[in-house]
């Protein structure tokens, strides 16, 4: 099953089918189930904010 990294949208509360509430202050890695796809379509789950890629520790040598 495909996994996706998502975050609960600002001002939303998402309950899983078992009743647990997803935390809204952290990125979540979830299976892309029909439930998750419906929450994405409804705008309850969104991709996490983009981060700038880290610079490599040592520069690569061309040669």
C-alpha atoms as a PDB file:
ATOM      1  CA  UNK A   1       0.000   0.000   0.000  1.00  0.00           C
ATOM      2  CA  UNK A   2       1.248   3.470  -0.831  1.00  0.00           C
ATOM      3  CA  UNK A   3       2.172   5.679   2.127  1.00  0.00           C
ATOM      4  CA  UNK A   4       1.874   9.476   2.163  1.00  0.00           C
ATOM      5  CA  UNK A   5       3.145  12.207   4.475  1.00  0.00           C
ATOM      6  CA  UNK A   6       0.357  14.549   5.523  1.00  0.00           C
ATOM      7  CA  UNK A   7      -0.589  17.053   8.189  1.00  0.00           C
ATOM      8  CA  UNK A   8      -3.973  17.948   9.674  1.00  0.00           C
ATOM      9  CA  UNK A   9      -5.169  21.212   8.085  1.00  0.00           C
ATOM     10  CA  UNK A  10      -5.239  24.391  10.174  1.00  0.00           C
ATOM     11  CA  UNK A  11      -8.416  24.604  12.238  1.00  0.00           C
ATOM     12  CA  UNK A  12      -9.470  21.010  11.536  1.00  0.00           C
ATOM     13  CA  UNK A  13      -9.812  17.957  13.762  1.00  0.00           C
ATOM     14  CA  UNK A  14      -9.572  14.517  12.184  1.00  0.00           C
ATOM     15  CA  UNK A  15     -10.766  11.396  13.956  1.00  0.00           C
ATOM     16  CA  UNK A  16      -9.674   7.993  12.743  1.00  0.00           C
ATOM     17  CA  UNK A  17     -12.368   5.342  12.272  1.00  0.00           C
ATOM     18  CA  UNK A  18     -11.416   3.889  15.689  1.00  0.00           C
ATOM     19  CA  UNK A  19     -12.115   7.269  17.375  1.00  0.00           C
ATOM     20  CA  UNK A  20      -8.546   8.472  17.946  1.00  0.00           C
ATOM     21  CA  UNK A  21      -7.838  12.120  17.108  1.00  0.00           C
ATOM     22  CA  UNK A  22      -4.844  12.773  14.847  1.00  0.00           C
ATOM     23  CA  UNK A  23      -2.304  15.255  16.259  1.00  0.00           C
ATOM     24  CA  UNK A  24      -2.388  18.578  14.426  1.00  0.00           C
ATOM     25  CA  UNK A  25       1.154  19.749  15.178  1.00  0.00           C
ATOM     26  CA  UNK A  26       3.237  17.072  13.462  1.00  0.00           C
ATOM     27  CA  UNK A  27       3.694  15.363  10.111  1.00  0.00           C
ATOM     28  CA  UNK A  28       2.009  11.981   9.795  1.00  0.00           C
ATOM     29  CA  UNK A  29       2.933   9.043   7.567  1.00  0.00           C
ATOM     30  CA  UNK A  30      -0.303   7.253   6.697  1.00  0.00           C
ATOM     31  CA  UNK A  31      -1.370   4.466   4.370  1.00  0.00           C
ATOM     32  CA  UNK A  32      -3.319   5.857   1.412  1.00  0.00           C
ATOM     33  CA  UNK A  33      -6.594   4.146   2.343  1.00  0.00           C
ATOM     34  CA  UNK A  34     -10.057   5.186   1.136  1.00  0.00           C
ATOM     35  CA  UNK A  35     -10.520   6.999   4.481  1.00  0.00           C
ATOM     36  CA  UNK A  36      -7.319   9.030   3.995  1.00  0.00           C
ATOM     37  CA  UNK A  37      -8.238   9.807   0.360  1.00  0.00           C
ATOM     38  CA  UNK A  38     -11.639  11.147   1.519  1.00  0.00           C
ATOM     39  CA  UNK A  39      -9.969  13.331   4.172  1.00  0.00           C
ATOM     40  CA  UNK A  40      -7.584  14.730   1.519  1.00  0.00           C
ATOM     41  CA  UNK A  41     -10.500  15.453  -0.830  1.00  0.00           C
ATOM     42  CA  UNK A  42     -12.392  17.203   2.003  1.00  0.00           C
ATOM     43  CA  UNK A  43      -9.338  19.332   2.819  1.00  0.00           C
ATOM     44  CA  UNK A  44      -8.912  17.866   6.306  1.00  0.00           C
ATOM     45  CA  UNK A  45      -5.464  16.431   5.520  1.00  0.00           C
ATOM     46  CA  UNK A  46      -2.902  18.419   3.532  1.00  0.00           C
ATOM     47  CA  UNK A  47       0.736  17.962   2.481  1.00  0.00           C
ATOM     48  CA  UNK A  48       3.235  19.270   5.039  1.00  0.00           C
ATOM     49  CA  UNK A  49       4.839  22.646   4.362  1.00  0.00           C
ATOM     50  CA  UNK A  50       7.779  22.478   1.966  1.00  0.00           C
ATOM     51  CA  UNK A  51      11.239  22.626   3.461  1.00  0.00           C
ATOM     52  CA  UNK A  52      14.417  23.629   1.726  1.00  0.00           C
ATOM     53  CA  UNK A  53      16.738  20.710   1.049  1.00  0.00           C
ATOM     54  CA  UNK A  54      19.810  20.555   3.277  1.00  0.00           C
ATOM     55  CA  UNK A  55      23.206  21.280   1.781  1.00  0.00           C
ATOM     56  CA  UNK A  56      25.460  18.248   1.472  1.00  0.00           C
ATOM     57  CA  UNK A  57      28.090  18.015   4.224  1.00  0.00           C
ATOM     58  CA  UNK A  58      30.968  17.785   1.749  1.00  0.00           C
ATOM     59  CA  UNK A  59      30.984  19.234  -1.750  1.00  0.00           C
ATOM     60  CA  UNK A  60      31.052  16.732  -4.593  1.00  0.00           C
ATOM     61  CA  UNK A  61      34.178  16.697  -6.711  1.00  0.00           C
ATOM     62  CA  UNK A  62      33.785  16.682 -10.451  1.00  0.00           C
ATOM     63  CA  UNK A  63      36.231  14.608 -12.209  1.00  0.00           C
END
